[in-house]
Amino acid sequence: MARKRQDRQSPLYMISVVSRMLEVHPQTLRMYEREGFICPHRVNRQRLYSDEDLDRLNLVIRLTKELGVNRAGVDIILRMRTQLAAMQEQMGDMLRYLDDDIREEFEGRLRSIFEEK
C-alpha cells in the first residue's frame, strides 16, 4: 500500500536509526542540520526524521560522497531544486487555469450549437 503524501512528512525515525539506514555517523547528520541541509522535527530535544527528510539526506549523501560536491555546492543545488519545484507548481497552476478557460470556451461553444437547433 502506498503512503499518503502527508505521511511522508510525519517524523518517524530517530537519529540512530537514520544513521544506520544511511550508513553515516550521527555526527554527520548533525552537521547537515547545522549546514541547513535538513531540518528534522524535534520532540523533547530528540531529532525525528520523516521519509521526506530521508530522501533529502540521501540526495545530500549522494552529492557529497558519490559526486564529490562540496557543501557550498550542495547548498546551491538544494536551493535550485526548491526554486524549480516552486516554478513547476506555478506552471501547473497556470496550466490548470488555461485548461479551465479552454474547457469553459468549449462548453460554451457546445451549448451554443445545441441551443441553436
Protein backbone atom coordinates (compact mmCIF):
# COMPACT_ATOMS: atom_id res chain seq x y z
CA MET A 1 0.00 0.00 0.00
CA ALA A 2 1.37 3.43 -0.95
CA ARG A 3 1.80 6.02 1.74
CA LYS A 4 -0.17 9.22 1.58
CA ARG A 5 1.74 12.42 0.88
CA GLN A 6 1.18 13.79 4.39
CA ASP A 7 2.56 10.57 5.86
CA ARG A 8 5.88 11.25 4.12
CA GLN A 9 6.19 14.36 6.28
CA SER A 10 5.47 12.58 9.55
CA PRO A 11 8.51 12.30 11.82
CA LEU A 12 9.21 8.63 12.39
CA TYR A 13 12.90 7.83 12.75
CA MET A 14 15.40 8.66 15.48
CA ILE A 15 18.88 9.79 14.55
CA SER A 16 20.44 6.43 15.48
CA VAL A 17 18.08 4.60 13.13
CA VAL A 18 18.67 7.07 10.30
CA SER A 19 22.43 6.87 10.69
CA ARG A 20 22.27 3.07 10.39
CA MET A 21 19.86 3.23 7.45
CA LEU A 22 22.04 5.69 5.55
CA GLU A 23 25.35 4.27 6.80
CA VAL A 24 26.64 7.60 8.10
CA HIS A 25 27.75 8.69 11.55
CA PRO A 26 25.12 10.54 13.63
CA GLN A 27 27.56 13.47 13.80
CA THR A 28 27.35 13.73 10.01
CA LEU A 29 23.58 14.11 10.28
CA ARG A 30 24.04 16.80 12.94
CA MET A 31 26.50 18.60 10.66
CA TYR A 32 23.99 18.50 7.79
CA GLU A 33 21.45 20.02 10.14
CA ARG A 34 23.88 22.79 11.15
CA GLU A 35 24.56 23.48 7.47
CA GLY A 36 20.81 23.85 6.92
CA PHE A 37 20.51 20.92 4.52
CA ILE A 38 17.94 19.23 6.72
CA CYS A 39 15.61 20.32 9.49
CA PRO A 40 14.37 17.30 11.46
CA HIS A 41 11.38 17.59 13.73
CA ARG A 42 12.08 17.88 17.43
CA VAL A 43 10.22 16.10 20.20
CA ASN A 44 11.64 16.72 23.68
CA ARG A 45 15.02 17.71 22.15
CA GLN A 46 15.10 14.44 20.23
CA ARG A 47 15.54 14.61 16.46
CA LEU A 48 12.93 12.74 14.44
CA TYR A 49 13.26 12.31 10.70
CA SER A 50 10.48 11.80 8.14
CA ASP A 51 10.59 9.90 4.87
CA GLU A 52 10.99 13.24 3.07
CA ASP A 53 13.97 14.00 5.31
CA LEU A 54 15.47 10.64 4.37
CA ASP A 55 15.05 11.40 0.67
CA ARG A 56 16.77 14.74 1.11
CA LEU A 57 19.58 13.18 3.16
CA ASN A 58 20.06 10.51 0.50
CA LEU A 59 20.47 13.25 -2.08
CA VAL A 60 22.97 15.16 0.09
CA ILE A 61 24.97 12.00 0.75
CA ARG A 62 24.95 11.06 -2.93
CA LEU A 63 26.09 14.54 -3.94
CA THR A 64 28.91 14.66 -1.41
CA LYS A 65 30.18 11.09 -1.39
CA GLU A 66 29.49 9.83 -4.90
CA LEU A 67 29.77 13.02 -6.91
CA GLY A 68 32.29 14.93 -4.79
CA VAL A 69 30.21 18.08 -4.47
CA ASN A 70 31.33 20.33 -1.62
CA ARG A 71 28.93 21.73 0.97
CA ALA A 72 28.57 25.08 -0.80
CA GLY A 73 27.66 23.21 -3.99
CA VAL A 74 25.13 21.08 -2.12
CA ASP A 75 23.56 24.23 -0.71
CA ILE A 76 23.24 25.74 -4.20
CA ILE A 77 21.79 22.52 -5.64
CA LEU A 78 19.23 22.22 -2.83
CA ARG A 79 18.17 25.84 -3.28
CA MET A 80 17.85 25.38 -7.02
CA ARG A 81 15.73 22.25 -6.52
CA THR A 82 13.45 24.19 -4.18
CA GLN A 83 13.11 27.02 -6.70
CA LEU A 84 12.49 24.54 -9.52
CA ALA A 85 9.75 22.81 -7.53
CA ALA A 86 8.10 26.19 -6.84
CA MET A 87 8.28 27.10 -10.52
CA GLN A 88 6.81 23.74 -11.53
CA GLU A 89 3.94 24.29 -9.11
CA GLN A 90 3.31 27.75 -10.57
CA MET A 91 3.37 26.33 -14.10
CA GLY A 92 0.91 23.63 -13.06
CA ASP A 93 -1.40 26.29 -11.64
CA MET A 94 -1.13 28.31 -14.84
CA LEU A 95 -1.88 25.26 -16.96
CA ARG A 96 -4.92 24.43 -14.81
CA TYR A 97 -6.24 27.97 -15.33
CA LEU A 98 -5.58 27.65 -19.03
CA ASP A 99 -7.31 24.29 -19.09
CA ASP A 100 -10.28 25.78 -17.25
CA ASP A 101 -10.52 28.65 -19.76
CA ILE A 102 -10.33 26.31 -22.74
CA ARG A 103 -12.85 23.93 -21.18
CA GLU A 104 -15.26 26.79 -20.45
CA GLU A 105 -14.90 28.09 -24.00
CA PHE A 106 -15.52 24.62 -25.43
CA GLU A 107 -18.57 24.08 -23.22
CA GLY A 108 -19.88 27.47 -24.29
CA ARG A 109 -19.49 26.57 -27.95
CA LEU A 110 -21.25 23.24 -27.38
CA ARG A 111 -24.14 24.98 -25.61
CA SER A 112 -24.50 27.49 -28.43
CA ILE A 113 -24.51 24.70 -31.02
CA PHE A 114 -27.20 22.70 -29.24
CA GLU A 115 -29.31 25.74 -28.34
CA GLU A 116 -29.50 26.88 -31.97
CA LYS A 117 -31.21 23.68 -33.09
